N, C-alpha and C. Protein backbone atom coordinates (compact mmCIF):
# COMPACT_ATOMS: atom_id res chain seq x y z
N UNK A 1 -6.01 0.49 15.24
CA UNK A 1 -4.55 0.59 15.62
C UNK A 1 -3.83 1.49 14.59
N UNK A 2 -2.91 2.09 14.99
CA UNK A 2 -1.98 3.08 13.84
C UNK A 2 -0.59 2.51 13.89
N UNK A 3 0.03 2.50 12.72
CA UNK A 3 1.54 2.36 12.56
C UNK A 3 2.15 3.12 11.58
N UNK A 4 3.39 3.15 11.81
CA UNK A 4 4.25 4.08 10.79
C UNK A 4 5.12 3.32 9.77
N UNK A 5 4.90 3.77 8.59
CA UNK A 5 5.71 3.16 7.39
C UNK A 5 7.39 3.91 7.68
N UNK A 6 8.24 3.28 7.22
CA UNK A 6 9.54 4.13 7.36
C UNK A 6 10.25 3.67 5.59
N UNK A 7 11.01 4.44 5.28
CA UNK A 7 11.59 4.43 3.90
C UNK A 7 12.48 3.52 3.96
N UNK A 8 12.93 2.63 2.91
CA UNK A 8 14.11 1.79 2.71
C UNK A 8 15.22 2.51 2.88
N UNK A 9 16.20 1.97 3.39
CA UNK A 9 17.47 2.65 3.52
C UNK A 9 18.22 3.08 2.46
N UNK A 10 17.97 2.45 1.13
CA UNK A 10 18.67 2.83 -0.04
C UNK A 10 17.74 3.80 -0.82
N UNK A 11 16.39 4.15 -0.24
CA UNK A 11 15.67 5.32 -0.85
C UNK A 11 16.26 6.59 -0.84
N UNK A 12 16.18 7.78 -1.81
CA UNK A 12 16.66 8.96 -1.84
C UNK A 12 15.69 9.74 -0.89
N UNK A 13 16.47 11.00 -0.60
CA UNK A 13 15.37 11.97 0.23
C UNK A 13 14.02 12.00 -0.41
N UNK A 14 13.18 11.99 0.83
CA UNK A 14 11.71 12.07 0.02
C UNK A 14 11.09 13.43 0.75
N UNK A 15 10.18 13.99 -0.10
CA UNK A 15 9.46 15.40 0.33
C UNK A 15 8.64 14.77 1.55
N UNK A 16 8.26 13.55 1.88
CA UNK A 16 7.58 12.85 2.87
C UNK A 16 8.05 12.88 4.25
N UNK A 17 7.60 13.48 5.30
CA UNK A 17 8.26 13.48 6.50
C UNK A 17 7.65 12.27 7.29
N UNK A 18 6.39 11.79 7.12
CA UNK A 18 5.99 10.83 7.96
C UNK A 18 4.69 10.17 6.98
N UNK A 19 4.54 8.93 7.17
CA UNK A 19 3.59 8.03 6.76
C UNK A 19 3.04 7.11 7.43
N UNK A 20 1.88 7.21 7.86
CA UNK A 20 1.08 6.45 8.91
C UNK A 20 -0.02 5.85 8.23
N UNK A 21 -0.50 4.65 8.95
CA UNK A 21 -1.62 3.90 8.51
C UNK A 21 -2.42 3.71 9.89
N UNK A 22 -3.83 3.94 9.62
CA UNK A 22 -4.65 3.57 10.68
C UNK A 22 -5.58 2.31 10.04
N UNK A 23 -5.45 1.22 10.93
CA UNK A 23 -5.95 0.02 10.55
C UNK A 23 -7.08 -0.46 11.45
N UNK A 24 -8.18 -0.81 10.79
CA UNK A 24 -9.31 -1.70 11.33
C UNK A 24 -9.73 -2.55 10.70
N UNK A 25 -10.15 -3.62 11.30
CA UNK A 25 -10.86 -4.94 10.50
C UNK A 25 -11.90 -5.76 11.15
N UNK A 26 -12.61 -6.23 10.48
CA UNK A 26 -13.52 -7.28 11.01
C UNK A 26 -13.48 -8.60 10.05
N UNK A 27 -14.02 -9.67 10.44
CA UNK A 27 -13.81 -10.86 9.61
C UNK A 27 -14.01 -10.62 8.11
N UNK A 28 -14.78 -9.51 7.54
CA UNK A 28 -15.06 -9.83 6.10
C UNK A 28 -14.04 -8.55 5.52
N UNK A 29 -13.66 -7.30 6.21
CA UNK A 29 -13.14 -6.34 5.51
C UNK A 29 -11.87 -5.74 6.24
N UNK A 30 -11.10 -5.07 5.58
CA UNK A 30 -9.91 -4.39 6.21
C UNK A 30 -10.06 -2.89 5.70
N UNK A 31 -10.17 -1.91 6.74
CA UNK A 31 -10.07 -0.44 6.39
C UNK A 31 -8.81 0.09 6.90
N UNK A 32 -8.20 0.59 5.86
CA UNK A 32 -6.85 1.39 5.98
C UNK A 32 -7.20 2.76 5.63
N UNK A 33 -6.30 3.66 6.47
CA UNK A 33 -6.25 4.97 6.10
C UNK A 33 -4.92 5.45 6.11
N UNK A 34 -4.38 5.38 4.75
CA UNK A 34 -2.87 5.95 4.65
C UNK A 34 -2.72 7.44 4.95
N UNK A 35 -1.94 8.03 5.69
CA UNK A 35 -1.90 9.59 5.86
C UNK A 35 -0.41 10.16 5.41
N UNK A 36 -0.15 10.82 4.61
CA UNK A 36 1.08 11.23 4.20
C UNK A 36 1.18 12.61 4.59
N UNK A 37 2.39 12.98 5.27
CA UNK A 37 2.64 14.34 5.89
C UNK A 37 3.94 14.64 5.30
N UNK A 38 4.05 15.96 5.08
CA UNK A 38 5.25 16.69 4.64
C UNK A 38 4.95 17.79 3.51
N UNK A 39 6.17 17.77 2.55
CA UNK A 39 5.94 18.86 1.47
C UNK A 39 5.10 18.13 0.32
N UNK A 40 3.97 18.35 0.51
CA UNK A 40 2.79 17.47 -0.18
C UNK A 40 2.93 18.09 -1.58
N UNK A 41 3.07 19.36 -1.91
CA UNK A 41 3.40 19.67 -3.27
C UNK A 41 4.41 19.31 -3.97
N UNK A 42 5.42 18.67 -3.31
CA UNK A 42 6.47 17.96 -3.95
C UNK A 42 6.45 16.67 -4.53
N UNK A 43 5.26 16.05 -4.00
CA UNK A 43 4.97 14.63 -4.48
C UNK A 43 4.23 14.58 -5.83
N UNK A 44 4.53 13.71 -6.65
CA UNK A 44 3.74 13.59 -7.94
C UNK A 44 2.62 12.74 -7.69
N UNK A 45 1.42 13.40 -7.71
CA UNK A 45 0.19 12.70 -7.41
C UNK A 45 -0.31 12.38 -8.79
N UNK A 46 -0.83 11.25 -9.03
CA UNK A 46 -1.56 10.94 -10.24
C UNK A 46 -2.72 11.51 -10.50
N UNK A 47 -2.98 12.01 -11.79
CA UNK A 47 -4.64 12.52 -12.11
C UNK A 47 -5.67 11.44 -11.67
N UNK A 48 -6.89 12.41 -11.17
CA UNK A 48 -7.93 11.38 -10.89
C UNK A 48 -8.34 10.49 -12.21
N UNK A 49 -8.86 9.47 -11.87
CA UNK A 49 -9.50 8.43 -12.72
C UNK A 49 -9.87 7.23 -11.89
N UNK A 50 -10.43 6.26 -12.45
CA UNK A 50 -11.04 5.24 -11.63
C UNK A 50 -10.64 4.03 -12.35
N UNK A 51 -11.04 2.76 -11.73
CA UNK A 51 -11.12 1.57 -12.57
C UNK A 51 -9.93 0.76 -12.13
N UNK A 52 -10.05 -0.50 -12.36
CA UNK A 52 -8.75 -1.50 -12.36
C UNK A 52 -7.64 -1.24 -13.48
N UNK A 53 -6.48 -1.11 -12.78
CA UNK A 53 -5.28 -0.88 -13.67
C UNK A 53 -4.20 -1.56 -13.21
N UNK A 54 -3.27 -2.01 -13.93
CA UNK A 54 -1.98 -2.60 -13.75
C UNK A 54 -0.91 -1.72 -13.55
N UNK A 55 0.29 -2.05 -12.66
CA UNK A 55 1.45 -1.42 -12.78
C UNK A 55 1.07 0.05 -12.02
N UNK A 56 0.29 0.04 -11.07
CA UNK A 56 0.12 1.31 -10.39
C UNK A 56 1.45 1.64 -9.56
N UNK A 57 1.97 0.55 -9.10
CA UNK A 57 3.22 0.86 -8.22
C UNK A 57 4.29 1.57 -8.90
N UNK A 58 4.23 1.85 -10.17
CA UNK A 58 5.50 2.43 -10.87
C UNK A 58 5.44 3.98 -10.37
N UNK A 59 4.08 4.46 -9.98
CA UNK A 59 4.04 5.83 -9.52
C UNK A 59 3.63 5.94 -8.08
N UNK A 60 3.19 7.08 -7.46
CA UNK A 60 2.79 6.97 -5.95
C UNK A 60 1.42 6.12 -6.17
N UNK A 61 1.69 5.16 -4.90
CA UNK A 61 0.58 4.23 -4.81
C UNK A 61 0.79 3.78 -3.35
N UNK A 62 -0.13 3.21 -2.92
CA UNK A 62 -0.29 2.63 -1.42
C UNK A 62 -0.60 1.21 -1.69
N UNK A 63 -0.02 0.34 -0.92
CA UNK A 63 -0.18 -1.12 -0.87
C UNK A 63 -0.55 -1.72 0.35
N UNK A 64 -1.15 -2.74 0.22
CA UNK A 64 -1.50 -3.86 1.23
C UNK A 64 -1.47 -5.17 0.83
N UNK A 65 -0.55 -6.12 1.56
CA UNK A 65 -0.42 -7.50 1.37
C UNK A 65 -0.96 -8.14 2.34
N UNK A 66 -1.97 -9.25 2.12
CA UNK A 66 -2.62 -9.90 3.02
C UNK A 66 -2.29 -11.42 2.88
N UNK A 67 -1.60 -11.96 3.89
CA UNK A 67 -1.23 -13.53 3.72
C UNK A 67 -2.45 -14.21 4.12
N UNK A 68 -2.93 -15.41 3.58
CA UNK A 68 -4.04 -15.92 3.79
C UNK A 68 -3.91 -17.38 3.28
N UNK A 69 -4.87 -18.17 3.21
CA UNK A 69 -4.99 -19.44 2.92
C UNK A 69 -4.32 -19.73 1.20
N UNK A 70 -3.34 -20.62 1.11
CA UNK A 70 -2.81 -20.58 -0.27
C UNK A 70 -1.96 -19.63 -0.76
N UNK A 71 -1.45 -18.65 0.17
CA UNK A 71 -0.64 -17.61 -0.42
C UNK A 71 -1.00 -16.24 -0.05
N UNK A 72 -1.12 -15.29 -0.71
CA UNK A 72 -1.39 -14.03 -0.20
C UNK A 72 -1.96 -13.10 -1.53
N UNK A 73 -2.70 -12.00 -0.97
CA UNK A 73 -3.31 -11.20 -1.95
C UNK A 73 -2.47 -9.67 -1.77
N UNK A 74 -2.31 -8.98 -2.86
CA UNK A 74 -1.59 -7.51 -3.06
C UNK A 74 -2.86 -6.90 -3.35
N UNK A 75 -2.80 -5.78 -2.69
CA UNK A 75 -3.88 -4.65 -3.19
C UNK A 75 -2.98 -3.38 -3.71
N UNK A 76 -3.22 -2.63 -4.68
CA UNK A 76 -2.48 -1.57 -5.03
C UNK A 76 -3.50 -0.48 -5.09
N UNK A 77 -3.23 0.52 -4.38
CA UNK A 77 -4.49 1.51 -4.39
C UNK A 77 -3.90 3.18 -4.64
N UNK A 78 -4.42 3.43 -5.86
CA UNK A 78 -3.70 4.71 -6.32
C UNK A 78 -4.49 6.19 -5.73
N UNK A 79 -3.76 7.32 -5.52
CA UNK A 79 -4.74 8.17 -4.89
C UNK A 79 -5.54 8.54 -6.06
N UNK A 80 -5.30 8.27 -7.44
CA UNK A 80 -6.05 8.73 -8.75
C UNK A 80 -7.33 8.29 -8.35
N UNK A 81 -7.57 7.14 -7.62
CA UNK A 81 -8.92 6.50 -7.70
C UNK A 81 -8.77 5.04 -8.16
N UNK A 82 -7.69 4.91 -9.11
CA UNK A 82 -7.44 3.61 -9.60
C UNK A 82 -7.07 2.38 -8.48
N UNK A 83 -7.22 1.03 -8.76
CA UNK A 83 -6.74 0.06 -8.00
C UNK A 83 -6.37 -1.09 -8.82
N UNK A 84 -5.78 -2.11 -8.03
CA UNK A 84 -5.70 -3.47 -8.65
C UNK A 84 -5.39 -4.52 -7.50
N UNK A 85 -5.78 -5.75 -7.90
CA UNK A 85 -5.67 -6.51 -6.75
C UNK A 85 -5.15 -7.97 -7.44
N UNK A 86 -4.22 -8.80 -6.68
CA UNK A 86 -3.63 -9.92 -7.32
C UNK A 86 -3.51 -11.12 -6.26
N UNK A 87 -3.52 -12.13 -6.72
CA UNK A 87 -3.55 -13.21 -5.87
C UNK A 87 -1.93 -14.05 -6.17
N UNK A 88 -1.27 -14.29 -5.23
CA UNK A 88 0.16 -15.01 -5.40
C UNK A 88 0.13 -16.34 -4.44
N UNK A 89 0.49 -17.29 -5.34
CA UNK A 89 0.65 -18.61 -4.60
C UNK A 89 1.64 -18.66 -3.37
N UNK A 90 2.91 -18.06 -3.97
CA UNK A 90 4.17 -17.77 -2.88
C UNK A 90 4.93 -16.51 -3.45
N UNK A 91 5.72 -15.97 -2.83
CA UNK A 91 6.48 -14.93 -3.15
C UNK A 91 6.74 -14.62 -4.87
N UNK A 92 5.84 -13.48 -5.29
CA UNK A 92 5.98 -13.56 -6.81
C UNK A 92 5.64 -14.64 -7.64
N UNK A 93 5.04 -15.42 -7.32
CA UNK A 93 4.75 -16.74 -7.97
C UNK A 93 3.25 -17.04 -8.10
N UNK A 94 2.71 -17.30 -9.33
CA UNK A 94 1.43 -17.67 -9.54
C UNK A 94 0.45 -16.48 -9.39
N UNK A 95 0.93 -15.43 -10.16
CA UNK A 95 0.34 -14.10 -10.09
C UNK A 95 -0.90 -14.03 -10.98
N UNK A 96 -2.17 -13.72 -10.40
CA UNK A 96 -3.31 -13.69 -11.28
C UNK A 96 -4.17 -12.87 -10.36
N UNK A 97 -5.13 -12.07 -11.46
CA UNK A 97 -6.30 -11.04 -10.69
C UNK A 97 -6.84 -11.75 -9.72
N UNK A 98 -7.00 -11.05 -8.40
CA UNK A 98 -7.75 -11.50 -7.34
C UNK A 98 -9.11 -11.18 -7.38
N UNK A 99 -9.88 -12.35 -6.80
CA UNK A 99 -11.46 -11.84 -6.44
C UNK A 99 -11.65 -10.75 -5.61
N UNK A 100 -10.71 -10.83 -4.66
CA UNK A 100 -10.85 -9.81 -3.59
C UNK A 100 -10.48 -8.20 -4.13
N UNK A 101 -11.35 -7.21 -3.74
CA UNK A 101 -11.30 -5.95 -4.35
C UNK A 101 -11.41 -4.83 -3.43
N UNK A 102 -10.87 -3.82 -3.49
CA UNK A 102 -11.31 -2.64 -2.63
C UNK A 102 -12.96 -2.38 -3.10
N UNK A 103 -13.41 -2.08 -1.80
CA UNK A 103 -14.82 -1.81 -1.79
C UNK A 103 -15.16 -0.34 -1.85
N UNK A 104 -14.05 0.46 -1.38
CA UNK A 104 -14.38 2.03 -1.67
C UNK A 104 -12.60 2.69 -1.55
N UNK A 105 -12.57 3.79 -2.15
CA UNK A 105 -11.39 4.42 -2.04
C UNK A 105 -11.68 5.91 -1.81
N UNK A 106 -11.34 6.39 -0.84
CA UNK A 106 -11.52 8.04 -0.80
C UNK A 106 -10.34 8.85 -0.35
N UNK A 107 -10.32 10.02 -1.09
CA UNK A 107 -8.92 10.85 -0.76
C UNK A 107 -9.56 12.02 -0.10
N UNK A 108 -8.63 12.48 0.88
CA UNK A 108 -8.95 13.94 1.44
C UNK A 108 -7.44 14.63 1.70
N UNK A 109 -7.36 15.90 1.61
CA UNK A 109 -6.18 16.61 1.66
C UNK A 109 -6.32 17.87 2.50
N UNK A 110 -5.23 18.20 3.16
CA UNK A 110 -4.89 19.67 3.90
C UNK A 110 -3.55 20.18 2.92
N UNK A 111 -3.30 21.30 3.51
CA UNK A 111 -2.11 21.96 3.08
C UNK A 111 -0.76 21.04 3.31
N UNK A 112 -0.72 20.24 4.30
CA UNK A 112 0.30 19.69 4.55
C UNK A 112 0.21 18.06 4.83
N UNK A 113 -0.94 17.60 4.34
CA UNK A 113 -1.36 16.16 4.55
C UNK A 113 -2.29 15.81 3.41
N UNK A 114 -2.08 14.53 2.99
CA UNK A 114 -2.98 13.79 2.06
C UNK A 114 -3.30 12.34 2.84
N UNK A 115 -4.31 11.99 2.74
CA UNK A 115 -5.08 10.63 3.20
C UNK A 115 -5.71 9.91 2.07
N UNK A 116 -5.56 8.71 2.00
CA UNK A 116 -6.13 7.77 1.06
C UNK A 116 -6.96 6.87 2.20
N UNK A 117 -8.22 6.64 2.19
CA UNK A 117 -8.91 5.63 2.80
C UNK A 117 -9.50 4.53 2.02
N UNK A 118 -9.19 2.90 2.45
CA UNK A 118 -9.66 2.24 1.59
C UNK A 118 -10.45 1.10 2.43
N UNK A 119 -11.42 0.48 1.82
CA UNK A 119 -12.28 -0.75 2.61
C UNK A 119 -11.87 -1.76 1.53
N UNK A 120 -11.16 -2.73 2.09
CA UNK A 120 -10.68 -4.20 1.03
C UNK A 120 -11.25 -5.20 1.61
N UNK A 121 -11.88 -5.97 0.82
CA UNK A 121 -12.46 -7.28 0.81
C UNK A 121 -11.31 -8.47 1.42
N UNK A 122 -11.50 -8.96 2.75
CA UNK A 122 -10.22 -9.77 3.01
C UNK A 122 -10.34 -11.09 2.54
N UNK A 123 -9.16 -11.72 2.15
CA UNK A 123 -9.44 -13.05 1.61
C UNK A 123 -9.62 -14.05 2.93
N UNK A 124 -10.11 -15.33 2.22
CA UNK A 124 -10.28 -16.36 3.34
C UNK A 124 -9.10 -16.66 4.00
N UNK A 125 -9.09 -16.73 5.26
CA UNK A 125 -8.06 -17.06 6.37
C UNK A 125 -6.84 -16.07 6.27
N UNK A 126 -7.30 -14.75 6.15
CA UNK A 126 -6.29 -13.57 6.42
C UNK A 126 -5.65 -13.52 7.78
N UNK A 127 -4.26 -13.82 7.64
CA UNK A 127 -3.43 -14.17 8.77
C UNK A 127 -2.61 -12.85 9.15
N UNK A 128 -1.75 -12.62 8.24
CA UNK A 128 -0.65 -11.49 8.49
C UNK A 128 -0.73 -10.47 7.32
N UNK A 129 -0.46 -9.19 7.66
CA UNK A 129 -0.42 -7.94 6.77
C UNK A 129 0.91 -7.36 6.71
N UNK A 130 1.17 -7.03 5.47
CA UNK A 130 2.16 -6.07 5.07
C UNK A 130 1.69 -4.90 4.42
N UNK A 131 2.15 -3.58 5.02
CA UNK A 131 1.74 -2.45 4.33
C UNK A 131 2.98 -1.51 3.53
N UNK A 132 2.69 -0.92 2.80
CA UNK A 132 3.89 -0.28 1.90
C UNK A 132 3.19 0.83 1.02
N UNK A 133 4.17 1.51 0.78
CA UNK A 133 3.71 2.76 -0.32
C UNK A 133 5.31 3.04 -1.12
N UNK A 134 4.74 3.36 -2.46
CA UNK A 134 5.67 3.95 -3.48
C UNK A 134 5.52 5.62 -3.49
N UNK A 135 6.52 6.21 -3.01
CA UNK A 135 6.29 7.95 -3.34
C UNK A 135 7.13 8.43 -4.29
N UNK A 136 6.44 9.06 -5.38
CA UNK A 136 7.25 9.51 -6.40
C UNK A 136 7.25 11.03 -6.21
N UNK A 137 8.41 11.80 -5.94
CA UNK A 137 8.67 12.98 -6.03
C UNK A 137 8.38 13.74 -7.21
N UNK A 138 8.23 14.94 -7.33
CA UNK A 138 8.03 15.89 -8.59
C UNK A 138 9.49 15.70 -9.25
N UNK A 139 10.51 15.53 -8.77
CA UNK A 139 11.75 15.40 -9.47
C UNK A 139 12.07 14.07 -10.07
N UNK A 140 11.17 13.21 -9.93
CA UNK A 140 11.06 11.85 -10.38
C UNK A 140 11.83 10.89 -9.29
N UNK A 141 12.46 11.42 -8.30
CA UNK A 141 12.88 10.35 -7.53
C UNK A 141 11.84 9.53 -6.98
N UNK A 142 12.24 8.43 -6.33
CA UNK A 142 11.14 7.43 -5.80
C UNK A 142 11.62 6.79 -4.72
N UNK A 143 10.88 6.86 -3.49
CA UNK A 143 10.97 6.22 -2.20
C UNK A 143 10.06 5.23 -1.82
N UNK A 144 10.57 4.08 -1.28
CA UNK A 144 9.85 2.91 -1.06
C UNK A 144 9.66 2.84 0.52
N UNK A 145 8.53 2.89 1.00
CA UNK A 145 8.13 2.72 2.43
C UNK A 145 7.37 1.51 2.90
N UNK A 146 7.61 0.85 3.95
CA UNK A 146 7.14 0.03 4.46
C UNK A 146 7.08 -0.03 5.95
N UNK A 147 6.23 -1.07 6.46
CA UNK A 147 6.42 -1.68 7.70
C UNK A 147 7.69 -2.22 8.12
N UNK A 148 8.27 -2.89 7.11
CA UNK A 148 9.64 -3.57 7.59
C UNK A 148 10.18 -3.72 6.14
N UNK A 149 11.60 -3.63 6.20
CA UNK A 149 12.39 -3.85 4.84
C UNK A 149 13.54 -4.86 5.10
N UNK A 150 13.04 -6.36 5.14
CA UNK A 150 14.00 -7.33 5.53
C UNK A 150 15.05 -7.61 4.53
N UNK A 151 15.18 -6.98 3.47
CA UNK A 151 16.30 -7.36 2.43
C UNK A 151 17.07 -6.00 2.05
N UNK A 152 18.21 -6.23 1.33
CA UNK A 152 18.99 -4.94 1.04
C UNK A 152 18.36 -4.13 0.00
N UNK A 153 17.30 -4.83 -0.85
CA UNK A 153 16.62 -4.07 -2.01
C UNK A 153 14.98 -3.77 -1.52
N UNK A 154 14.28 -2.76 -1.88
CA UNK A 154 12.97 -2.74 -1.63
C UNK A 154 12.23 -4.15 -1.95
N UNK A 155 11.62 -4.66 -1.29
CA UNK A 155 10.77 -6.05 -1.67
C UNK A 155 9.64 -6.16 -0.89
N UNK A 156 8.57 -5.69 -1.21
CA UNK A 156 7.12 -5.78 -0.69
C UNK A 156 6.73 -6.91 -0.58
N UNK A 157 7.03 -7.98 -1.37
CA UNK A 157 6.57 -9.38 -1.53
C UNK A 157 7.27 -10.12 -0.51
N UNK A 158 8.56 -9.84 0.06
CA UNK A 158 9.04 -10.74 0.93
C UNK A 158 8.39 -11.23 2.13
N UNK A 159 8.30 -12.43 2.36
CA UNK A 159 7.61 -12.92 3.47
C UNK A 159 7.77 -12.62 4.87
N UNK A 160 8.88 -11.76 5.15
CA UNK A 160 9.23 -11.16 6.44
C UNK A 160 8.69 -9.68 6.41
N UNK A 161 8.03 -9.16 5.29
CA UNK A 161 7.37 -7.96 5.31
C UNK A 161 6.14 -7.96 5.82
N UNK A 162 5.58 -9.06 6.04
CA UNK A 162 4.05 -9.37 6.64
C UNK A 162 4.30 -9.40 8.20
N UNK A 163 4.26 -8.29 8.63
CA UNK A 163 4.73 -8.07 10.19
C UNK A 163 3.37 -7.88 11.11
N UNK A 164 2.29 -7.71 10.73
CA UNK A 164 1.17 -7.52 11.38
C UNK A 164 0.45 -8.71 11.66
N UNK A 165 -0.17 -9.33 12.55
CA UNK A 165 -0.86 -10.39 12.80
C UNK A 165 -2.27 -9.90 12.80
N UNK A 166 -3.10 -10.60 12.27
CA UNK A 166 -4.61 -10.19 12.12
C UNK A 166 -5.19 -11.57 13.01
N UNK A 167 -6.01 -11.09 13.88
CA UNK A 167 -6.65 -12.10 14.79
C UNK A 167 -7.66 -13.18 13.98
C-alpha cells in the first residue's frame, strides 16, 4: 500500500513537494519506505550517526505511531541513522522506552528525492497506524506532515491521527 502525507495547514511553505510512504507488514514487522520529493538540497538533513537518541523530532525526522494493546508505540526514524521508540499508555501519558525497535534503517537518494526505509518490530495487538514527518528547511522553518491533522495544531499523538487499520 502507498499513502501520501500532507502538511499541517499552519505549516510554512516547505521545499518538499510530496511525501509518500510505502507500507508492507506481516504479524511481526512493519516495513515502511518514506519518500521525500522536491527541492532536496533545501532540506536540513542531519549528519550521519547511529544509535538510540531522544528528541529526534526537533529536526528532520520520520515517525510511525502504532496503536496496540495497552496504548501505542511511537517510532522516531532519523535520516541520520539514529532512532528512538517509546511506549505510551494514552496520548502523551506514561511515556517510557519501548522494547519494540527498528530492526533496520536504510537511506538512498537521487537528485530530487530521498527515501528512508525502515523495518520495525510490531507491538503485540497492533491495530492502527499513524504516519508523520517533521521536515526542517535549511532556512530553519519546520513543516509538519501526517496522514491526518485532526487538531488546529500539529499533534501526531492525537488518537484521530491513527487512521490506517492493520489487519
